[in-house]
C-alpha cells in the first residue's frame, strides 16, 4: 500500500486514504472515515507546550475496492468480552473502478453525522456550526481527492510528495469564505495538533488551497 494520508473536514473528523499501486498505476483504494475521541490521558512531555488532553482516532466506517468489489464496512463498537474488534456491517456496492468508487465514498461520507450515530449513538451531538463546517469542507475535500487520484501527470507528481500520514485540510480563499477559513485555522492550530505536527502552512495542490503540517502525527488507529 502507498503512503497513507489524511484529509480533515472538522477538527475531530478526517478521512484516511490508502492506495494500492503497481507500475505507478492505482489498482485499488482503502478509505476510512475516522472521528476523534478525547481521552483522559494528559500529555505533559512536550517541551514548550502546556499540558493537553490526547485524542484517540477511531474508525467509524471503512471502504475498499482492493479486490475489485467495492465494500462499505460500518463499524460498531462492542464490549471486549463479546468481540475485541466490534461488529462489522458490510454492504456490497458491486464492481466499481477507482474513480466511481472514490465519488461514491465521498458522497456516502457526506452523511457523516448519520454515520457517527450508527457507529455509536453517544456521538450524535454535533454543534450546528461544526455541521456546517464539515459539510462545506467535504465539498472541497471531494475536489482535492478527485484531483490527487486523477491521471493528471501533475497530480501524480504532487501525490508522490505527500509524506506518510500527512494531514491536510482543503480550505477556501479569503474572498470565498472568511468564516470557514477561520474555523479551519482554529481547528488546525489546536494545541494537541501543533504539539505533534508543528505549525500549519498553506500550500496549493492543483487549484486547491490546503492547510497542512511539516511532519506527521503519531497514528493511533
C-alpha atoms as a PDB file:
ATOM      1  CA  UNK A   1       0.000   0.000   0.000  1.00  0.00           C
ATOM      2  CA  UNK A   2       1.207   3.503  -0.809  1.00  0.00           C
ATOM      3  CA  UNK A   3       1.815   6.034   1.959  1.00  0.00           C
ATOM      4  CA  UNK A   4      -1.458   6.894   3.719  1.00  0.00           C
ATOM      5  CA  UNK A   5      -2.591  10.493   4.138  1.00  0.00           C
ATOM      6  CA  UNK A   6      -5.494  12.216   5.847  1.00  0.00           C
ATOM      7  CA  UNK A   7      -7.902  14.983   4.922  1.00  0.00           C
ATOM      8  CA  UNK A   8      -9.645  16.557   7.918  1.00  0.00           C
ATOM      9  CA  UNK A   9     -13.060  18.161   7.498  1.00  0.00           C
ATOM     10  CA  UNK A  10     -13.630  19.192  11.123  1.00  0.00           C
ATOM     11  CA  UNK A  11     -11.138  19.400  13.944  1.00  0.00           C
ATOM     12  CA  UNK A  12     -12.342  15.963  15.064  1.00  0.00           C
ATOM     13  CA  UNK A  13     -13.230  14.211  11.800  1.00  0.00           C
ATOM     14  CA  UNK A  14     -10.996  13.051   8.975  1.00  0.00           C
ATOM     15  CA  UNK A  15     -10.745  10.683   6.025  1.00  0.00           C
ATOM     16  CA  UNK A  16      -7.792   8.334   5.665  1.00  0.00           C
ATOM     17  CA  UNK A  17      -6.720   7.429   2.118  1.00  0.00           C
ATOM     18  CA  UNK A  18      -4.500   4.492   1.156  1.00  0.00           C
ATOM     19  CA  UNK A  19      -3.871   3.236  -2.356  1.00  0.00           C
ATOM     20  CA  UNK A  20      -2.534   0.009  -3.817  1.00  0.00           C
ATOM     21  CA  UNK A  21      -0.266   0.787  -6.752  1.00  0.00           C
ATOM     22  CA  UNK A  22       1.565  -1.156  -9.434  1.00  0.00           C
ATOM     23  CA  UNK A  23       3.731   0.465 -12.088  1.00  0.00           C
ATOM     24  CA  UNK A  24       2.633   3.969 -10.982  1.00  0.00           C
ATOM     25  CA  UNK A  25      -0.995   2.952 -11.537  1.00  0.00           C
ATOM     26  CA  UNK A  26      -3.539   2.910  -8.739  1.00  0.00           C
ATOM     27  CA  UNK A  27      -5.060  -0.566  -8.586  1.00  0.00           C
ATOM     28  CA  UNK A  28      -7.355  -0.053  -5.615  1.00  0.00           C
ATOM     29  CA  UNK A  29      -8.211   2.161  -2.655  1.00  0.00           C
ATOM     30  CA  UNK A  30      -8.852   1.755   1.054  1.00  0.00           C
ATOM     31  CA  UNK A  31     -10.614   4.709   2.645  1.00  0.00           C
ATOM     32  CA  UNK A  32     -11.669   5.211   6.271  1.00  0.00           C
ATOM     33  CA  UNK A  33     -13.861   7.824   7.900  1.00  0.00           C
ATOM     34  CA  UNK A  34     -12.430   8.410  11.373  1.00  0.00           C
ATOM     35  CA  UNK A  35     -13.504  10.548  14.305  1.00  0.00           C
ATOM     36  CA  UNK A  36     -11.507  11.526  17.374  1.00  0.00           C
ATOM     37  CA  UNK A  37     -12.495  10.962  20.990  1.00  0.00           C
ATOM     38  CA  UNK A  38     -10.951  12.911  23.828  1.00  0.00           C
ATOM     39  CA  UNK A  39      -9.183  10.616  26.308  1.00  0.00           C
ATOM     40  CA  UNK A  40      -8.326  11.052  29.979  1.00  0.00           C
ATOM     41  CA  UNK A  41      -4.602  10.996  29.147  1.00  0.00           C
ATOM     42  CA  UNK A  42      -2.836  14.317  29.648  1.00  0.00           C
ATOM     43  CA  UNK A  43       0.437  14.919  27.810  1.00  0.00           C
ATOM     44  CA  UNK A  44       2.984  16.785  29.940  1.00  0.00           C
ATOM     45  CA  UNK A  45       6.078  15.755  27.984  1.00  0.00           C
ATOM     46  CA  UNK A  46       6.389  18.123  25.019  1.00  0.00           C
ATOM     47  CA  UNK A  47       8.812  20.939  25.762  1.00  0.00           C
ATOM     48  CA  UNK A  48       7.424  24.426  25.202  1.00  0.00           C
ATOM     49  CA  UNK A  49       3.793  23.240  25.117  1.00  0.00           C
ATOM     50  CA  UNK A  50       1.394  23.447  28.044  1.00  0.00           C
ATOM     51  CA  UNK A  51      -0.236  20.141  29.116  1.00  0.00           C
ATOM     52  CA  UNK A  52      -3.095  18.982  26.901  1.00  0.00           C
ATOM     53  CA  UNK A  53      -5.524  16.089  26.609  1.00  0.00           C
ATOM     54  CA  UNK A  54      -4.714  13.477  23.982  1.00  0.00           C
ATOM     55  CA  UNK A  55      -7.278  12.253  21.453  1.00  0.00           C
ATOM     56  CA  UNK A  56      -7.841   8.759  20.082  1.00  0.00           C
ATOM     57  CA  UNK A  57      -8.870   8.306  16.452  1.00  0.00           C
ATOM     58  CA  UNK A  58     -11.463   5.580  15.877  1.00  0.00           C
ATOM     59  CA  UNK A  59     -12.657   4.210  12.534  1.00  0.00           C
ATOM     60  CA  UNK A  60     -16.394   4.684  12.002  1.00  0.00           C
ATOM     61  CA  UNK A  61     -16.631   3.160   8.539  1.00  0.00           C
ATOM     62  CA  UNK A  62     -14.152   1.594   6.121  1.00  0.00           C
ATOM     63  CA  UNK A  63     -14.419   1.331   2.342  1.00  0.00           C
ATOM     64  CA  UNK A  64     -12.260  -0.584  -0.128  1.00  0.00           C
ATOM     65  CA  UNK A  65     -12.215  -1.910  -3.668  1.00  0.00           C
ATOM     66  CA  UNK A  66      -8.848  -3.661  -3.403  1.00  0.00           C
ATOM     67  CA  UNK A  67     -10.259  -6.924  -4.767  1.00  0.00           C
ATOM     68  CA  UNK A  68     -12.464  -5.311  -7.400  1.00  0.00           C
ATOM     69  CA  UNK A  69     -15.720  -5.454  -5.470  1.00  0.00           C
ATOM     70  CA  UNK A  70     -16.447  -2.228  -3.592  1.00  0.00           C
ATOM     71  CA  UNK A  71     -17.301  -2.842   0.061  1.00  0.00           C
ATOM     72  CA  UNK A  72     -18.637  -0.490   2.725  1.00  0.00           C
ATOM     73  CA  UNK A  73     -17.840  -1.776   6.221  1.00  0.00           C
ATOM     74  CA  UNK A  74     -19.636   0.096   9.015  1.00  0.00           C
ATOM     75  CA  UNK A  75     -18.091  -0.447  12.425  1.00  0.00           C
ATOM     76  CA  UNK A  76     -19.989  -0.863  15.697  1.00  0.00           C
ATOM     77  CA  UNK A  77     -18.050  -0.957  18.969  1.00  0.00           C
ATOM     78  CA  UNK A  78     -18.968  -3.745  21.389  1.00  0.00           C
ATOM     79  CA  UNK A  79     -17.758  -4.807  24.833  1.00  0.00           C
ATOM     80  CA  UNK A  80     -14.381  -6.523  24.568  1.00  0.00           C
ATOM     81  CA  UNK A  81     -15.824  -9.632  26.192  1.00  0.00           C
ATOM     82  CA  UNK A  82     -18.098 -10.005  23.173  1.00  0.00           C
ATOM     83  CA  UNK A  83     -15.678  -9.040  20.407  1.00  0.00           C
ATOM     84  CA  UNK A  84     -12.442  -7.044  20.689  1.00  0.00           C
ATOM     85  CA  UNK A  85     -12.884  -5.988  17.048  1.00  0.00           C
ATOM     86  CA  UNK A  86     -16.506  -4.829  17.330  1.00  0.00           C
ATOM     87  CA  UNK A  87     -19.298  -5.603  14.911  1.00  0.00           C
ATOM     88  CA  UNK A  88     -18.941  -5.137  11.161  1.00  0.00           C
ATOM     89  CA  UNK A  89     -21.964  -4.380   8.976  1.00  0.00           C
ATOM     90  CA  UNK A  90     -20.845  -4.894   5.394  1.00  0.00           C
ATOM     91  CA  UNK A  91     -22.557  -3.662   2.241  1.00  0.00           C
ATOM     92  CA  UNK A  92     -21.512  -4.540  -1.305  1.00  0.00           C
ATOM     93  CA  UNK A  93     -21.550  -1.782  -3.918  1.00  0.00           C
ATOM     94  CA  UNK A  94     -20.617  -4.095  -6.754  1.00  0.00           C
ATOM     95  CA  UNK A  95     -17.681  -3.692  -9.104  1.00  0.00           C
ATOM     96  CA  UNK A  96     -16.533  -0.061  -9.246  1.00  0.00           C
ATOM     97  CA  UNK A  97     -13.425   1.434 -10.808  1.00  0.00           C
ATOM     98  CA  UNK A  98     -11.353   3.796  -8.685  1.00  0.00           C
ATOM     99  CA  UNK A  99     -12.979   6.973  -9.976  1.00  0.00           C
ATOM    100  CA  UNK A 100     -16.545   5.781  -9.420  1.00  0.00           C
ATOM    101  CA  UNK A 101     -15.583   4.258  -6.074  1.00  0.00           C
ATOM    102  CA  UNK A 102     -13.991   7.480  -4.842  1.00  0.00           C
ATOM    103  CA  UNK A 103     -17.038   9.537  -5.801  1.00  0.00           C
ATOM    104  CA  UNK A 104     -19.419   7.113  -4.086  1.00  0.00           C
ATOM    105  CA  UNK A 105     -17.318   7.027  -0.927  1.00  0.00           C
ATOM    106  CA  UNK A 106     -17.168  10.813  -0.567  1.00  0.00           C
ATOM    107  CA  UNK A 107     -20.892  11.023  -1.282  1.00  0.00           C
ATOM    108  CA  UNK A 108     -21.513   8.476   1.475  1.00  0.00           C
ATOM    109  CA  UNK A 109     -19.246  10.285   3.943  1.00  0.00           C
ATOM    110  CA  UNK A 110     -21.300  13.430   3.355  1.00  0.00           C
ATOM    111  CA  UNK A 111     -23.808  11.671   5.631  1.00  0.00           C
ATOM    112  CA  UNK A 112     -21.107  11.773   8.333  1.00  0.00           C
ATOM    113  CA  UNK A 113     -23.452  12.780  11.143  1.00  0.00           C
ATOM    114  CA  UNK A 114     -25.697   9.774  10.468  1.00  0.00           C
ATOM    115  CA  UNK A 115     -22.648   7.507  10.191  1.00  0.00           C
ATOM    116  CA  UNK A 116     -21.482   8.664  13.620  1.00  0.00           C
ATOM    117  CA  UNK A 117     -24.897   7.865  15.125  1.00  0.00           C
ATOM    118  CA  UNK A 118     -24.905   4.395  13.564  1.00  0.00           C
ATOM    119  CA  UNK A 119     -21.415   3.800  14.956  1.00  0.00           C
ATOM    120  CA  UNK A 120     -22.304   4.923  18.460  1.00  0.00           C
ATOM    121  CA  UNK A 121     -25.497   6.825  19.390  1.00  0.00           C
ATOM    122  CA  UNK A 122     -23.493   8.675  22.057  1.00  0.00           C
ATOM    123  CA  UNK A 123     -21.728  10.547  19.239  1.00  0.00           C
ATOM    124  CA  UNK A 124     -24.934  12.105  17.923  1.00  0.00           C
ATOM    125  CA  UNK A 125     -24.420  15.572  19.427  1.00  0.00           C
ATOM    126  CA  UNK A 126     -22.929  17.871  16.773  1.00  0.00           C
ATOM    127  CA  UNK A 127     -22.750  21.636  17.190  1.00  0.00           C
ATOM    128  CA  UNK A 128     -24.688  23.301  14.310  1.00  0.00           C
ATOM    129  CA  UNK A 129     -21.634  25.354  13.282  1.00  0.00           C
ATOM    130  CA  UNK A 130     -19.478  22.232  13.246  1.00  0.00           C
ATOM    131  CA  UNK A 131     -22.030  20.530  10.987  1.00  0.00           C
ATOM    132  CA  UNK A 132     -21.871  23.457   8.548  1.00  0.00           C
ATOM    133  CA  UNK A 133     -18.064  23.431   8.700  1.00  0.00           C
ATOM    134  CA  UNK A 134     -17.901  19.703   7.995  1.00  0.00           C
ATOM    135  CA  UNK A 135     -20.366  19.858   5.111  1.00  0.00           C
ATOM    136  CA  UNK A 136     -18.576  22.776   3.452  1.00  0.00           C
ATOM    137  CA  UNK A 137     -15.142  21.205   3.892  1.00  0.00           C
ATOM    138  CA  UNK A 138     -16.327  17.921   2.393  1.00  0.00           C
ATOM    139  CA  UNK A 139     -17.196  19.741  -0.837  1.00  0.00           C
ATOM    140  CA  UNK A 140     -13.597  20.942  -1.116  1.00  0.00           C
ATOM    141  CA  UNK A 141     -12.277  17.575   0.037  1.00  0.00           C
ATOM    142  CA  UNK A 142     -14.065  15.974  -2.881  1.00  0.00           C
ATOM    143  CA  UNK A 143     -12.390  18.367  -5.315  1.00  0.00           C
ATOM    144  CA  UNK A 144      -8.984  17.762  -3.738  1.00  0.00           C
ATOM    145  CA  UNK A 145      -9.024  13.956  -3.807  1.00  0.00           C
ATOM    146  CA  UNK A 146     -10.676  13.895  -7.217  1.00  0.00           C
ATOM    147  CA  UNK A 147      -7.627  15.789  -8.451  1.00  0.00           C
ATOM    148  CA  UNK A 148      -5.000  13.830  -6.494  1.00  0.00           C
ATOM    149  CA  UNK A 149      -6.288  10.460  -7.704  1.00  0.00           C
ATOM    150  CA  UNK A 150      -6.739  11.585 -11.299  1.00  0.00           C
ATOM    151  CA  UNK A 151      -4.425  10.622 -14.147  1.00  0.00           C
ATOM    152  CA  UNK A 152      -3.156  14.185 -14.426  1.00  0.00           C
ATOM    153  CA  UNK A 153       0.691  13.941 -14.511  1.00  0.00           C
ATOM    154  CA  UNK A 154       0.977  16.960 -12.204  1.00  0.00           C
ATOM    155  CA  UNK A 155      -1.346  15.295  -9.701  1.00  0.00           C
ATOM    156  CA  UNK A 156       0.825  12.174  -9.740  1.00  0.00           C
ATOM    157  CA  UNK A 157       3.915  14.270  -9.005  1.00  0.00           C
ATOM    158  CA  UNK A 158       2.186  16.066  -6.146  1.00  0.00           C
ATOM    159  CA  UNK A 159       0.811  12.822  -4.739  1.00  0.00           C
ATOM    160  CA  UNK A 160       4.343  11.416  -4.638  1.00  0.00           C
ATOM    161  CA  UNK A 161       5.442  14.367  -2.496  1.00  0.00           C
ATOM    162  CA  UNK A 162       2.891  13.656   0.220  1.00  0.00           C
ATOM    163  CA  UNK A 163       4.727  12.258   3.242  1.00  0.00           C
ATOM    164  CA  UNK A 164       3.435   9.259   5.228  1.00  0.00           C
ATOM    165  CA  UNK A 165       0.451  10.182   7.425  1.00  0.00           C
ATOM    166  CA  UNK A 166       0.374  13.791   6.225  1.00  0.00           C
ATOM    167  CA  UNK A 167      -2.736  15.585   7.472  1.00  0.00           C
ATOM    168  CA  UNK A 168      -4.432  18.234   5.323  1.00  0.00           C
ATOM    169  CA  UNK A 169      -7.497  20.465   5.228  1.00  0.00           C
ATOM    170  CA  UNK A 170      -8.780  21.778   1.906  1.00  0.00           C
ATOM    171  CA  UNK A 171      -9.508  25.451   2.603  1.00  0.00           C
ATOM    172  CA  UNK A 172     -11.163  28.335   0.739  1.00  0.00           C
ATOM    173  CA  UNK A 173      -9.517  31.538  -0.333  1.00  0.00           C
ATOM    174  CA  UNK A 174     -10.201  34.523   1.972  1.00  0.00           C
ATOM    175  CA  UNK A 175     -12.506  36.157  -0.564  1.00  0.00           C
ATOM    176  CA  UNK A 176     -14.548  32.955  -0.855  1.00  0.00           C
ATOM    177  CA  UNK A 177     -15.493  32.165   2.749  1.00  0.00           C
ATOM    178  CA  UNK A 178     -13.837  34.046   5.614  1.00  0.00           C
ATOM    179  CA  UNK A 179     -15.888  32.206   8.224  1.00  0.00           C
ATOM    180  CA  UNK A 180     -14.861  28.738   7.012  1.00  0.00           C
ATOM    181  CA  UNK A 181     -11.225  29.784   6.691  1.00  0.00           C
ATOM    182  CA  UNK A 182     -11.264  30.997  10.301  1.00  0.00           C
ATOM    183  CA  UNK A 183     -12.911  27.775  11.529  1.00  0.00           C
ATOM    184  CA  UNK A 184     -10.296  25.683   9.739  1.00  0.00           C
ATOM    185  CA  UNK A 185      -7.477  27.808  11.153  1.00  0.00           C
ATOM    186  CA  UNK A 186      -8.795  27.343  14.692  1.00  0.00           C
ATOM    187  CA  UNK A 187      -9.060  23.573  14.160  1.00  0.00           C
ATOM    188  CA  UNK A 188      -5.578  23.292  12.630  1.00  0.00           C
ATOM    189  CA  UNK A 189      -3.983  25.330  15.420  1.00  0.00           C
ATOM    190  CA  UNK A 190      -5.404  23.327  18.294  1.00  0.00           C
ATOM    191  CA  UNK A 191      -2.697  22.743  20.859  1.00  0.00           C
ATOM    192  CA  UNK A 192      -2.551  18.965  20.545  1.00  0.00           C
ATOM    193  CA  UNK A 193      -2.200  19.184  16.758  1.00  0.00           C
ATOM    194  CA  UNK A 194       0.585  21.769  16.876  1.00  0.00           C
ATOM    195  CA  UNK A 195       2.351  19.835  19.614  1.00  0.00           C
ATOM    196  CA  UNK A 196       2.525  16.705  17.441  1.00  0.00           C
ATOM    197  CA  UNK A 197       2.889  18.253  13.981  1.00  0.00           C
ATOM    198  CA  UNK A 198       4.140  21.826  14.309  1.00  0.00           C
ATOM    199  CA  UNK A 199       2.639  24.983  12.861  1.00  0.00           C
ATOM    200  CA  UNK A 200       0.355  24.606   9.831  1.00  0.00           C
ATOM    201  CA  UNK A 201       1.225  26.113   6.443  1.00  0.00           C
ATOM    202  CA  UNK A 202      -0.786  26.877   3.325  1.00  0.00           C
ATOM    203  CA  UNK A 203       0.213  25.029   0.139  1.00  0.00           C
ATOM    204  CA  UNK A 204      -1.534  24.582  -3.208  1.00  0.00           C
ATOM    205  CA  UNK A 205      -2.291  21.218  -4.824  1.00  0.00           C
ATOM    206  CA  UNK A 206      -3.624  21.791  -8.304  1.00  0.00           C
ATOM    207  CA  UNK A 207      -6.017  24.686  -7.829  1.00  0.00           C
ATOM    208  CA  UNK A 208      -6.903  23.692  -4.252  1.00  0.00           C
ATOM    209  CA  UNK A 209      -5.510  25.571  -1.242  1.00  0.00           C
ATOM    210  CA  UNK A 210      -4.519  23.179   1.531  1.00  0.00           C
ATOM    211  CA  UNK A 211      -3.691  23.776   5.187  1.00  0.00           C
ATOM    212  CA  UNK A 212      -1.098  21.204   6.244  1.00  0.00           C
ATOM    213  CA  UNK A 213       1.856  20.487   8.532  1.00  0.00           C
ATOM    214  CA  UNK A 214       5.565  19.841   8.198  1.00  0.00           C
ATOM    215  CA  UNK A 215       5.539  16.486   9.991  1.00  0.00           C
ATOM    216  CA  UNK A 216       3.181  13.620  10.727  1.00  0.00           C
ATOM    217  CA  UNK A 217       1.169  12.974  13.873  1.00  0.00           C
ATOM    218  CA  UNK A 218       1.778   9.662  15.634  1.00  0.00           C
ATOM    219  CA  UNK A 219      -1.070   7.468  14.410  1.00  0.00           C
ATOM    220  CA  UNK A 220      -3.404   5.823  16.901  1.00  0.00           C
ATOM    221  CA  UNK A 221      -5.656   3.883  14.510  1.00  0.00           C
END
